[in-house]
């Protein structure tokens, strides 16, 4: 649970972005009751929710996390190099699986 939720900051940011809590709930795939729980410090934001809110209100994820409470996680940025490395690993694993499947088919023939 967040240690501190700055309701005024979030309401001001939502209003400046022309958004309502209902629209925020929709964007987060939450109910309005769940958003109300966040506003009352009864539900903590996930890293995905922090990133979504930041994008909607034009703030940084760090600012959103700070105003939501110090225990709220801040999503970490992933570099293109890290994504490329992950993709290369996935492609290698798929190639290995494909080779295994082909070998198994040959053995059964």
PDB file of N, CA and C in Angstrom:
ATOM      1  N   UNK A   1       0.851  -1.181   0.000  1.00  0.00           N
ATOM      2  CA  UNK A   1       0.000   0.000   0.000  1.00  0.00           C
ATOM      3  C   UNK A   1       0.893   1.239   0.000  1.00  0.00           C
ATOM      4  N   UNK A   2       0.517   2.207  -0.742  1.00  0.00           N
ATOM      5  CA  UNK A   2       1.295   3.437  -0.811  1.00  0.00           C
ATOM      6  C   UNK A   2       1.348   4.099   0.560  1.00  0.00           C
ATOM      7  N   UNK A   3       2.463   4.736   0.848  1.00  0.00           N
ATOM      8  CA  UNK A   3       2.606   5.420   2.131  1.00  0.00           C
ATOM      9  C   UNK A   3       1.967   6.795   2.108  1.00  0.00           C
ATOM     10  N   UNK A   4       1.780   7.319   0.901  1.00  0.00           N
ATOM     11  CA  UNK A   4       1.208   8.655   0.768  1.00  0.00           C
ATOM     12  C   UNK A   4       0.686   8.800  -0.661  1.00  0.00           C
ATOM     13  N   UNK A   5      -0.537   9.226  -0.820  1.00  0.00           N
ATOM     14  CA  UNK A   5      -1.085   9.459  -2.154  1.00  0.00           C
ATOM     15  C   UNK A   5      -1.532  10.905  -2.229  1.00  0.00           C
ATOM     16  N   UNK A   6      -0.952  11.644  -3.144  1.00  0.00           N
ATOM     17  CA  UNK A   6      -1.204  13.073  -3.290  1.00  0.00           C
ATOM     18  C   UNK A   6      -2.431  13.287  -4.180  1.00  0.00           C
ATOM     19  N   UNK A   7      -3.587  13.177  -3.583  1.00  0.00           N
ATOM     20  CA  UNK A   7      -4.856  13.289  -4.301  1.00  0.00           C
ATOM     21  C   UNK A   7      -4.959  14.597  -5.079  1.00  0.00           C
ATOM     22  N   UNK A   8      -4.579  15.693  -4.449  1.00  0.00           N
ATOM     23  CA  UNK A   8      -4.693  17.002  -5.103  1.00  0.00           C
ATOM     24  C   UNK A   8      -3.817  17.059  -6.360  1.00  0.00           C
ATOM     25  N   UNK A   9      -2.599  16.548  -6.279  1.00  0.00           N
ATOM     26  CA  UNK A   9      -1.691  16.565  -7.429  1.00  0.00           C
ATOM     27  C   UNK A   9      -2.299  15.772  -8.587  1.00  0.00           C
ATOM     28  N   UNK A  10      -2.809  14.571  -8.276  1.00  0.00           N
ATOM     29  CA  UNK A  10      -3.387  13.741  -9.330  1.00  0.00           C
ATOM     30  C   UNK A  10      -4.651  14.372  -9.916  1.00  0.00           C
ATOM     31  N   UNK A  11      -5.516  14.912  -9.061  1.00  0.00           N
ATOM     32  CA  UNK A  11      -6.729  15.553  -9.570  1.00  0.00           C
ATOM     33  C   UNK A  11      -6.384  16.759 -10.453  1.00  0.00           C
ATOM     34  N   UNK A  12      -5.384  17.528 -10.049  1.00  0.00           N
ATOM     35  CA  UNK A  12      -4.952  18.685 -10.846  1.00  0.00           C
ATOM     36  C   UNK A  12      -4.403  18.232 -12.192  1.00  0.00           C
ATOM     37  N   UNK A  13      -3.576  17.194 -12.189  1.00  0.00           N
ATOM     38  CA  UNK A  13      -2.989  16.676 -13.430  1.00  0.00           C
ATOM     39  C   UNK A  13      -4.070  16.100 -14.346  1.00  0.00           C
ATOM     40  N   UNK A  14      -5.019  15.369 -13.775  1.00  0.00           N
ATOM     41  CA  UNK A  14      -6.120  14.823 -14.589  1.00  0.00           C
ATOM     42  C   UNK A  14      -6.919  15.958 -15.229  1.00  0.00           C
ATOM     43  N   UNK A  15      -7.249  16.959 -14.433  1.00  0.00           N
ATOM     44  CA  UNK A  15      -8.037  18.081 -14.955  1.00  0.00           C
ATOM     45  C   UNK A  15      -7.282  18.805 -16.064  1.00  0.00           C
ATOM     46  N   UNK A  16      -5.982  19.016 -15.865  1.00  0.00           N
ATOM     47  CA  UNK A  16      -5.177  19.699 -16.877  1.00  0.00           C
ATOM     48  C   UNK A  16      -5.110  18.904 -18.181  1.00  0.00           C
ATOM     49  N   UNK A  17      -5.200  17.581 -18.065  1.00  0.00           N
ATOM     50  CA  UNK A  17      -5.180  16.719 -19.254  1.00  0.00           C
ATOM     51  C   UNK A  17      -6.586  16.512 -19.824  1.00  0.00           C
ATOM     52  N   UNK A  18      -7.588  17.109 -19.171  1.00  0.00           N
ATOM     53  CA  UNK A  18      -8.968  16.967 -19.636  1.00  0.00           C
ATOM     54  C   UNK A  18      -9.528  15.581 -19.378  1.00  0.00           C
ATOM     55  N   UNK A  19      -9.053  14.957 -18.316  1.00  0.00           N
ATOM     56  CA  UNK A  19      -9.482  13.591 -17.988  1.00  0.00           C
ATOM     57  C   UNK A  19     -10.249  13.553 -16.678  1.00  0.00           C
ATOM     58  N   UNK A  20     -11.019  12.528 -16.529  1.00  0.00           N
ATOM     59  CA  UNK A  20     -11.746  12.276 -15.291  1.00  0.00           C
ATOM     60  C   UNK A  20     -11.228  10.976 -14.677  1.00  0.00           C
ATOM     61  N   UNK A  21     -11.596  10.748 -13.446  1.00  0.00           N
ATOM     62  CA  UNK A  21     -11.230   9.476 -12.818  1.00  0.00           C
ATOM     63  C   UNK A  21     -11.881   8.307 -13.558  1.00  0.00           C
ATOM     64  N   UNK A  22     -13.076   8.538 -14.090  1.00  0.00           N
ATOM     65  CA  UNK A  22     -13.764   7.481 -14.849  1.00  0.00           C
ATOM     66  C   UNK A  22     -12.960   7.112 -16.095  1.00  0.00           C
ATOM     67  N   UNK A  23     -12.437   8.122 -16.783  1.00  0.00           N
ATOM     68  CA  UNK A  23     -11.618   7.863 -17.985  1.00  0.00           C
ATOM     69  C   UNK A  23     -10.313   7.190 -17.596  1.00  0.00           C
ATOM     70  N   UNK A  24      -9.743   7.595 -16.467  1.00  0.00           N
ATOM     71  CA  UNK A  24      -8.529   6.961 -15.969  1.00  0.00           C
ATOM     72  C   UNK A  24      -8.792   5.483 -15.668  1.00  0.00           C
ATOM     73  N   UNK A  25      -9.904   5.209 -15.028  1.00  0.00           N
ATOM     74  CA  UNK A  25     -10.264   3.821 -14.720  1.00  0.00           C
ATOM     75  C   UNK A  25     -10.318   3.002 -16.008  1.00  0.00           C
ATOM     76  N   UNK A  26     -10.936   3.556 -17.003  1.00  0.00           N
ATOM     77  CA  UNK A  26     -11.037   2.892 -18.301  1.00  0.00           C
ATOM     78  C   UNK A  26      -9.657   2.607 -18.881  1.00  0.00           C
ATOM     79  N   UNK A  27      -8.778   3.590 -18.858  1.00  0.00           N
ATOM     80  CA  UNK A  27      -7.434   3.440 -19.415  1.00  0.00           C
ATOM     81  C   UNK A  27      -6.616   2.401 -18.652  1.00  0.00           C
ATOM     82  N   UNK A  28      -6.882   2.262 -17.359  1.00  0.00           N
ATOM     83  CA  UNK A  28      -6.157   1.303 -16.529  1.00  0.00           C
ATOM     84  C   UNK A  28      -6.825  -0.067 -16.491  1.00  0.00           C
ATOM     85  N   UNK A  29      -7.967  -0.199 -17.168  1.00  0.00           N
ATOM     86  CA  UNK A  29      -8.758  -1.447 -17.119  1.00  0.00           C
ATOM     87  C   UNK A  29      -9.163  -1.771 -15.682  1.00  0.00           C
ATOM     88  N   UNK A  30      -9.546  -0.721 -14.957  1.00  0.00           N
ATOM     89  CA  UNK A  30     -10.015  -0.860 -13.583  1.00  0.00           C
ATOM     90  C   UNK A  30     -11.432  -0.331 -13.492  1.00  0.00           C
ATOM     91  N   UNK A  31     -12.083  -0.645 -12.394  1.00  0.00           N
ATOM     92  CA  UNK A  31     -13.394  -0.050 -12.140  1.00  0.00           C
ATOM     93  C   UNK A  31     -13.173   1.299 -11.467  1.00  0.00           C
ATOM     94  N   UNK A  32     -14.196   2.115 -11.482  1.00  0.00           N
ATOM     95  CA  UNK A  32     -14.096   3.402 -10.790  1.00  0.00           C
ATOM     96  C   UNK A  32     -13.884   3.192  -9.295  1.00  0.00           C
ATOM     97  N   UNK A  33     -14.438   2.122  -8.752  1.00  0.00           N
ATOM     98  CA  UNK A  33     -14.232   1.808  -7.331  1.00  0.00           C
ATOM     99  C   UNK A  33     -12.768   1.503  -7.043  1.00  0.00           C
ATOM    100  N   UNK A  34     -12.113   0.804  -7.966  1.00  0.00           N
ATOM    101  CA  UNK A  34     -10.692   0.499  -7.774  1.00  0.00           C
ATOM    102  C   UNK A  34      -9.846   1.764  -7.830  1.00  0.00           C
ATOM    103  N   UNK A  35     -10.200   2.689  -8.725  1.00  0.00           N
ATOM    104  CA  UNK A  35      -9.485   3.968  -8.782  1.00  0.00           C
ATOM    105  C   UNK A  35      -9.733   4.743  -7.487  1.00  0.00           C
ATOM    106  N   UNK A  36     -10.950   4.705  -6.977  1.00  0.00           N
ATOM    107  CA  UNK A  36     -11.249   5.377  -5.708  1.00  0.00           C
ATOM    108  C   UNK A  36     -10.394   4.786  -4.583  1.00  0.00           C
ATOM    109  N   UNK A  37     -10.153   3.473  -4.616  1.00  0.00           N
ATOM    110  CA  UNK A  37      -9.296   2.838  -3.610  1.00  0.00           C
ATOM    111  C   UNK A  37      -7.860   3.371  -3.707  1.00  0.00           C
ATOM    112  N   UNK A  38      -7.397   3.587  -4.938  1.00  0.00           N
ATOM    113  CA  UNK A  38      -6.055   4.158  -5.129  1.00  0.00           C
ATOM    114  C   UNK A  38      -6.005   5.551  -4.501  1.00  0.00           C
ATOM    115  N   UNK A  39      -7.034   6.352  -4.778  1.00  0.00           N
ATOM    116  CA  UNK A  39      -7.083   7.729  -4.267  1.00  0.00           C
ATOM    117  C   UNK A  39      -7.133   7.754  -2.736  1.00  0.00           C
ATOM    118  N   UNK A  40      -7.667   6.688  -2.116  1.00  0.00           N
ATOM    119  CA  UNK A  40      -7.783   6.630  -0.654  1.00  0.00           C
ATOM    120  C   UNK A  40      -6.649   5.825  -0.014  1.00  0.00           C
ATOM    121  N   UNK A  41      -5.610   5.519  -0.791  1.00  0.00           N
ATOM    122  CA  UNK A  41      -4.477   4.728  -0.283  1.00  0.00           C
ATOM    123  C   UNK A  41      -4.884   3.322   0.156  1.00  0.00           C
ATOM    124  N   UNK A  42      -5.881   2.771  -0.471  1.00  0.00           N
ATOM    125  CA  UNK A  42      -6.303   1.417  -0.142  1.00  0.00           C
ATOM    126  C   UNK A  42      -5.871   0.412  -1.206  1.00  0.00           C
ATOM    127  N   UNK A  43      -5.260   0.903  -2.258  1.00  0.00           N
ATOM    128  CA  UNK A  43      -4.784   0.045  -3.345  1.00  0.00           C
ATOM    129  C   UNK A  43      -3.549   0.704  -3.935  1.00  0.00           C
ATOM    130  N   UNK A  44      -2.480  -0.061  -4.076  1.00  0.00           N
ATOM    131  CA  UNK A  44      -1.246   0.489  -4.623  1.00  0.00           C
ATOM    132  C   UNK A  44      -1.201   0.319  -6.136  1.00  0.00           C
ATOM    133  N   UNK A  45      -0.554   1.244  -6.788  1.00  0.00           N
ATOM    134  CA  UNK A  45      -0.393   1.179  -8.237  1.00  0.00           C
ATOM    135  C   UNK A  45       0.681   0.176  -8.612  1.00  0.00           C
ATOM    136  N   UNK A  46       0.450  -0.538  -9.707  1.00  0.00           N
ATOM    137  CA  UNK A  46       1.484  -1.408 -10.262  1.00  0.00           C
ATOM    138  C   UNK A  46       2.394  -0.568 -11.147  1.00  0.00           C
ATOM    139  N   UNK A  47       3.521  -1.129 -11.540  1.00  0.00           N
ATOM    140  CA  UNK A  47       4.447  -0.410 -12.421  1.00  0.00           C
ATOM    141  C   UNK A  47       3.766  -0.081 -13.741  1.00  0.00           C
ATOM    142  N   UNK A  48       2.962  -0.995 -14.264  1.00  0.00           N
ATOM    143  CA  UNK A  48       2.235  -0.753 -15.521  1.00  0.00           C
ATOM    144  C   UNK A  48       1.265   0.411 -15.354  1.00  0.00           C
ATOM    145  N   UNK A  49       0.580   0.457 -14.227  1.00  0.00           N
ATOM    146  CA  UNK A  49      -0.371   1.539 -13.975  1.00  0.00           C
ATOM    147  C   UNK A  49       0.349   2.883 -13.832  1.00  0.00           C
ATOM    148  N   UNK A  50       1.506   2.870 -13.184  1.00  0.00           N
ATOM    149  CA  UNK A  50       2.308   4.092 -13.064  1.00  0.00           C
ATOM    150  C   UNK A  50       2.656   4.610 -14.451  1.00  0.00           C
ATOM    151  N   UNK A  51       3.118   3.714 -15.321  1.00  0.00           N
ATOM    152  CA  UNK A  51       3.508   4.116 -16.681  1.00  0.00           C
ATOM    153  C   UNK A  51       2.312   4.635 -17.466  1.00  0.00           C
ATOM    154  N   UNK A  52       1.171   3.989 -17.332  1.00  0.00           N
ATOM    155  CA  UNK A  52      -0.028   4.409 -18.051  1.00  0.00           C
ATOM    156  C   UNK A  52      -0.485   5.791 -17.588  1.00  0.00           C
ATOM    157  N   UNK A  53      -0.535   5.985 -16.292  1.00  0.00           N
ATOM    158  CA  UNK A  53      -0.945   7.287 -15.752  1.00  0.00           C
ATOM    159  C   UNK A  53       0.022   8.374 -16.209  1.00  0.00           C
ATOM    160  N   UNK A  54       1.310   8.094 -16.143  1.00  0.00           N
ATOM    161  CA  UNK A  54       2.312   9.075 -16.564  1.00  0.00           C
ATOM    162  C   UNK A  54       2.072   9.494 -18.007  1.00  0.00           C
ATOM    163  N   UNK A  55       1.812   8.526 -18.852  1.00  0.00           N
ATOM    164  CA  UNK A  55       1.560   8.821 -20.257  1.00  0.00           C
ATOM    165  C   UNK A  55       0.303   9.667 -20.439  1.00  0.00           C
ATOM    166  N   UNK A  56      -0.731   9.349 -19.697  1.00  0.00           N
ATOM    167  CA  UNK A  56      -2.007  10.062 -19.831  1.00  0.00           C
ATOM    168  C   UNK A  56      -1.933  11.510 -19.351  1.00  0.00           C
ATOM    169  N   UNK A  57      -1.206  11.739 -18.274  1.00  0.00           N
ATOM    170  CA  UNK A  57      -1.200  13.086 -17.686  1.00  0.00           C
ATOM    171  C   UNK A  57       0.031  13.899 -18.070  1.00  0.00           C
ATOM    172  N   UNK A  58       0.903  13.317 -18.878  1.00  0.00           N
ATOM    173  CA  UNK A  58       2.084  14.056 -19.316  1.00  0.00           C
ATOM    174  C   UNK A  58       3.103  14.277 -18.223  1.00  0.00           C
ATOM    175  N   UNK A  59       3.270  13.279 -17.380  1.00  0.00           N
ATOM    176  CA  UNK A  59       4.257  13.348 -16.301  1.00  0.00           C
ATOM    177  C   UNK A  59       5.244  12.197 -16.474  1.00  0.00           C
ATOM    178  N   UNK A  60       6.315  12.250 -15.730  1.00  0.00           N
ATOM    179  CA  UNK A  60       7.253  11.135 -15.772  1.00  0.00           C
ATOM    180  C   UNK A  60       6.766  10.028 -14.831  1.00  0.00           C
ATOM    181  N   UNK A  61       7.146   8.790 -15.112  1.00  0.00           N
ATOM    182  CA  UNK A  61       6.789   7.710 -14.182  1.00  0.00           C
ATOM    183  C   UNK A  61       7.329   7.978 -12.772  1.00  0.00           C
ATOM    184  N   UNK A  62       8.492   8.610 -12.692  1.00  0.00           N
ATOM    185  CA  UNK A  62       9.071   8.932 -11.384  1.00  0.00           C
ATOM    186  C   UNK A  62       8.182   9.905 -10.611  1.00  0.00           C
ATOM    187  N   UNK A  63       7.659  10.931 -11.306  1.00  0.00           N
ATOM    188  CA  UNK A  63       6.758  11.880 -10.646  1.00  0.00           C
ATOM    189  C   UNK A  63       5.484  11.192 -10.173  1.00  0.00           C
ATOM    190  N   UNK A  64       4.922  10.354 -11.024  1.00  0.00           N
ATOM    191  CA  UNK A  64       3.699   9.635 -10.651  1.00  0.00           C
ATOM    192  C   UNK A  64       3.973   8.759  -9.438  1.00  0.00           C
ATOM    193  N   UNK A  65       5.073   8.004  -9.472  1.00  0.00           N
ATOM    194  CA  UNK A  65       5.417   7.136  -8.341  1.00  0.00           C
ATOM    195  C   UNK A  65       5.629   7.956  -7.070  1.00  0.00           C
ATOM    196  N   UNK A  66       6.323   9.074  -7.209  1.00  0.00           N
ATOM    197  CA  UNK A  66       6.579   9.932  -6.045  1.00  0.00           C
ATOM    198  C   UNK A  66       5.272  10.426  -5.425  1.00  0.00           C
ATOM    199  N   UNK A  67       4.353  10.896  -6.262  1.00  0.00           N
ATOM    200  CA  UNK A  67       3.088  11.439  -5.741  1.00  0.00           C
ATOM    201  C   UNK A  67       2.110  10.339  -5.336  1.00  0.00           C
ATOM    202  N   UNK A  68       2.363   9.115  -5.778  1.00  0.00           N
ATOM    203  CA  UNK A  68       1.506   7.995  -5.376  1.00  0.00           C
ATOM    204  C   UNK A  68       1.998   7.360  -4.080  1.00  0.00           C
ATOM    205  N   UNK A  69       3.232   7.603  -3.723  1.00  0.00           N
ATOM    206  CA  UNK A  69       3.780   7.022  -2.500  1.00  0.00           C
ATOM    207  C   UNK A  69       5.120   6.373  -2.767  1.00  0.00           C
ATOM    208  N   UNK A  70       5.975   6.448  -1.810  1.00  0.00           N
ATOM    209  CA  UNK A  70       7.349   5.993  -2.010  1.00  0.00           C
ATOM    210  C   UNK A  70       7.491   4.509  -2.269  1.00  0.00           C
ATOM    211  N   UNK A  71       6.503   3.709  -1.915  1.00  0.00           N
ATOM    212  CA  UNK A  71       6.644   2.271  -2.134  1.00  0.00           C
ATOM    213  C   UNK A  71       6.125   1.835  -3.500  1.00  0.00           C
ATOM    214  N   UNK A  72       5.601   2.774  -4.278  1.00  0.00           N
ATOM    215  CA  UNK A  72       5.092   2.437  -5.604  1.00  0.00           C
ATOM    216  C   UNK A  72       6.258   2.207  -6.550  1.00  0.00           C
ATOM    217  N   UNK A  73       6.248   1.076  -7.293  1.00  0.00           N
ATOM    218  CA  UNK A  73       7.362   0.800  -8.198  1.00  0.00           C
ATOM    219  C   UNK A  73       7.363   1.731  -9.407  1.00  0.00           C
ATOM    220  N   UNK A  74       8.555   2.080  -9.845  1.00  0.00           N
ATOM    221  CA  UNK A  74       8.710   2.892 -11.048  1.00  0.00           C
ATOM    222  C   UNK A  74       9.139   1.957 -12.167  1.00  0.00           C
ATOM    223  N   UNK A  75       8.421   1.958 -13.274  1.00  0.00           N
ATOM    224  CA  UNK A  75       8.828   1.084 -14.369  1.00  0.00           C
ATOM    225  C   UNK A  75      10.197   1.489 -14.889  1.00  0.00           C
ATOM    226  N   UNK A  76      11.005   0.492 -15.167  1.00  0.00           N
ATOM    227  CA  UNK A  76      12.342   0.746 -15.684  1.00  0.00           C
ATOM    228  C   UNK A  76      12.306   0.779 -17.202  1.00  0.00           C
ATOM    229  N   UNK A  77      12.991   1.732 -17.768  1.00  0.00           N
ATOM    230  CA  UNK A  77      13.069   1.833 -19.221  1.00  0.00           C
ATOM    231  C   UNK A  77      13.954   0.707 -19.743  1.00  0.00           C
ATOM    232  N   UNK A  78      13.571   0.164 -20.879  1.00  0.00           N
ATOM    233  CA  UNK A  78      14.340  -0.885 -21.518  1.00  0.00           C
ATOM    234  C   UNK A  78      14.946  -0.310 -22.787  1.00  0.00           C
ATOM    235  N   UNK A  79      16.250  -0.478 -22.942  1.00  0.00           N
ATOM    236  CA  UNK A  79      16.913   0.068 -24.112  1.00  0.00           C
ATOM    237  C   UNK A  79      16.671  -0.821 -25.323  1.00  0.00           C
ATOM    238  N   UNK A  80      16.847  -0.247 -26.496  1.00  0.00           N
ATOM    239  CA  UNK A  80      16.709  -1.029 -27.721  1.00  0.00           C
ATOM    240  C   UNK A  80      17.739  -2.141 -27.776  1.00  0.00           C
ATOM    241  N   UNK A  81      18.914  -1.900 -27.254  1.00  0.00           N
ATOM    242  CA  UNK A  81      19.952  -2.935 -27.234  1.00  0.00           C
ATOM    243  C   UNK A  81      19.520  -4.125 -26.389  1.00  0.00           C
ATOM    244  N   UNK A  82      18.882  -3.846 -25.236  1.00  0.00           N
ATOM    245  CA  UNK A  82      18.392  -4.933 -24.384  1.00  0.00           C
ATOM    246  C   UNK A  82      17.283  -5.715 -25.083  1.00  0.00           C
ATOM    247  N   UNK A  83      16.405  -5.013 -25.773  1.00  0.00           N
ATOM    248  CA  UNK A  83      15.326  -5.678 -26.502  1.00  0.00           C
ATOM    249  C   UNK A  83      15.905  -6.536 -27.621  1.00  0.00           C
ATOM    250  N   UNK A  84      16.887  -6.005 -28.343  1.00  0.00           N
ATOM    251  CA  UNK A  84      17.519  -6.756 -29.431  1.00  0.00           C
ATOM    252  C   UNK A  84      18.192  -8.014 -28.891  1.00  0.00           C
ATOM    253  N   UNK A  85      18.841  -7.895 -27.740  1.00  0.00           N
ATOM    254  CA  UNK A  85      19.503  -9.053 -27.127  1.00  0.00           C
ATOM    255  C   UNK A  85      18.479 -10.115 -26.733  1.00  0.00           C
ATOM    256  N   UNK A  86      17.379  -9.694 -26.129  1.00  0.00           N
ATOM    257  CA  UNK A  86      16.312 -10.643 -25.765  1.00  0.00           C
ATOM    258  C   UNK A  86      15.749 -11.334 -26.999  1.00  0.00           C
ATOM    259  N   UNK A  87      15.496 -10.554 -28.038  1.00  0.00           N
ATOM    260  CA  UNK A  87      14.957 -11.104 -29.270  1.00  0.00           C
ATOM    261  C   UNK A  87      15.909 -12.135 -29.860  1.00  0.00           C
ATOM    262  N   UNK A  88      17.199 -11.838 -29.845  1.00  0.00           N
ATOM    263  CA  UNK A  88      18.196 -12.785 -30.364  1.00  0.00           C
ATOM    264  C   UNK A  88      18.164 -14.087 -29.567  1.00  0.00           C
ATOM    265  N   UNK A  89      18.025 -13.987 -28.234  1.00  0.00           N
ATOM    266  CA  UNK A  89      17.941 -15.198 -27.402  1.00  0.00           C
ATOM    267  C   UNK A  89      16.691 -16.001 -27.736  1.00  0.00           C
ATOM    268  N   UNK A  90      15.572 -15.312 -27.916  1.00  0.00           N
ATOM    269  CA  UNK A  90      14.323 -15.996 -28.259  1.00  0.00           C
ATOM    270  C   UNK A  90      14.445 -16.687 -29.611  1.00  0.00           C
ATOM    271  N   UNK A  91      15.041 -16.001 -30.574  1.00  0.00           N
ATOM    272  CA  UNK A  91      15.212 -16.594 -31.902  1.00  0.00           C
ATOM    273  C   UNK A  91      16.125 -17.817 -31.857  1.00  0.00           C
ATOM    274  N   UNK A  92      17.182 -17.761 -31.044  1.00  0.00           N
ATOM    275  CA  UNK A  92      18.062 -18.927 -30.904  1.00  0.00           C
ATOM    276  C   UNK A  92      17.312 -20.098 -30.279  1.00  0.00           C
ATOM    277  N   UNK A  93      16.527 -19.802 -29.247  1.00  0.00           N
ATOM    278  CA  UNK A  93      15.757 -20.859 -28.589  1.00  0.00           C
ATOM    279  C   UNK A  93      14.756 -21.480 -29.548  1.00  0.00           C
ATOM    280  N   UNK A  94      14.100 -20.653 -30.363  1.00  0.00           N
ATOM    281  CA  UNK A  94      13.150 -21.177 -31.341  1.00  0.00           C
ATOM    282  C   UNK A  94      13.841 -22.045 -32.382  1.00  0.00           C
ATOM    283  N   UNK A  95      15.025 -21.636 -32.810  1.00  0.00           N
ATOM    284  CA  UNK A  95      15.779 -22.430 -33.781  1.00  0.00           C
ATOM    285  C   UNK A  95      16.156 -23.778 -33.178  1.00  0.00           C
ATOM    286  N   UNK A  96      16.556 -23.782 -31.914  1.00  0.00           N
ATOM    287  CA  UNK A  96      16.898 -25.043 -31.246  1.00  0.00           C
ATOM    288  C   UNK A  96      15.676 -25.939 -31.128  1.00  0.00           C
ATOM    289  N   UNK A  97      14.535 -25.368 -30.767  1.00  0.00           N
ATOM    290  CA  UNK A  97      13.301 -26.156 -30.672  1.00  0.00           C
ATOM    291  C   UNK A  97      12.903 -26.723 -32.030  1.00  0.00           C
ATOM    292  N   UNK A  98      13.031 -25.919 -33.056  1.00  0.00           N
ATOM    293  CA  UNK A  98      12.701 -26.375 -34.407  1.00  0.00           C
ATOM    294  C   UNK A  98      13.589 -27.552 -34.798  1.00  0.00           C
ATOM    295  N   UNK A  99      14.875 -27.454 -34.502  1.00  0.00           N
ATOM    296  CA  UNK A  99      15.806 -28.542 -34.814  1.00  0.00           C
ATOM    297  C   UNK A  99      15.431 -29.806 -34.048  1.00  0.00           C
ATOM    298  N   UNK A 100      15.047 -29.665 -32.803  1.00  0.00           N
ATOM    299  CA  UNK A 100      14.629 -30.833 -32.018  1.00  0.00           C
ATOM    300  C   UNK A 100      13.385 -31.485 -32.595  1.00  0.00           C
ATOM    301  N   UNK A 101      12.432 -30.681 -32.999  1.00  0.00           N
ATOM    302  CA  UNK A 101      11.200 -31.217 -33.589  1.00  0.00           C
ATOM    303  C   UNK A 101      11.517 -31.958 -34.886  1.00  0.00           C
ATOM    304  N   UNK A 102      12.368 -31.376 -35.706  1.00  0.00           N
ATOM    305  CA  UNK A 102      12.754 -32.027 -36.968  1.00  0.00           C
ATOM    306  C   UNK A 102      13.451 -33.350 -36.668  1.00  0.00           C
ATOM    307  N   UNK A 103      14.364 -33.375 -35.710  1.00  0.00           N
ATOM    308  CA  UNK A 103      15.050 -34.620 -35.339  1.00  0.00           C
ATOM    309  C   UNK A 103      14.064 -35.671 -34.842  1.00  0.00           C
ATOM    310  N   UNK A 104      13.097 -35.263 -34.019  1.00  0.00           N
ATOM    311  CA  UNK A 104      12.101 -36.208 -33.515  1.00  0.00           C
ATOM    312  C   UNK A 104      11.264 -36.788 -34.658  1.00  0.00           C
ATOM    313  N   UNK A 105      10.904 -35.969 -35.596  1.00  0.00           N
ATOM    314  CA  UNK A 105      10.123 -36.442 -36.751  1.00  0.00           C
ATOM    315  C   UNK A 105      10.938 -37.441 -37.570  1.00  0.00           C
ATOM    316  N   UNK A 106      12.214 -37.175 -37.742  1.00  0.00           N
ATOM    317  CA  UNK A 106      13.086 -38.082 -38.508  1.00  0.00           C
ATOM    318  C   UNK A 106      13.211 -39.425 -37.813  1.00  0.00           C
ATOM    319  N   UNK A 107      13.327 -39.389 -36.465  1.00  0.00           N
ATOM    320  CA  UNK A 107      13.465 -40.621 -35.699  1.00  0.00           C
ATOM    321  C   UNK A 107      12.198 -41.482 -35.816  1.00  0.00           C
ATOM    322  N   UNK A 108      11.051 -40.869 -35.913  1.00  0.00           N
ATOM    323  CA  UNK A 108       9.779 -41.605 -35.996  1.00  0.00           C
ATOM    324  C   UNK A 108       9.551 -42.170 -37.385  1.00  0.00           C
ATOM    325  N   UNK A 109      10.227 -41.640 -38.394  1.00  0.00           N
ATOM    326  CA  UNK A 109      10.007 -42.084 -39.782  1.00  0.00           C
ATOM    327  C   UNK A 109      10.729 -43.358 -40.077  1.00  0.00           C
TER     328      UNK A 109
END
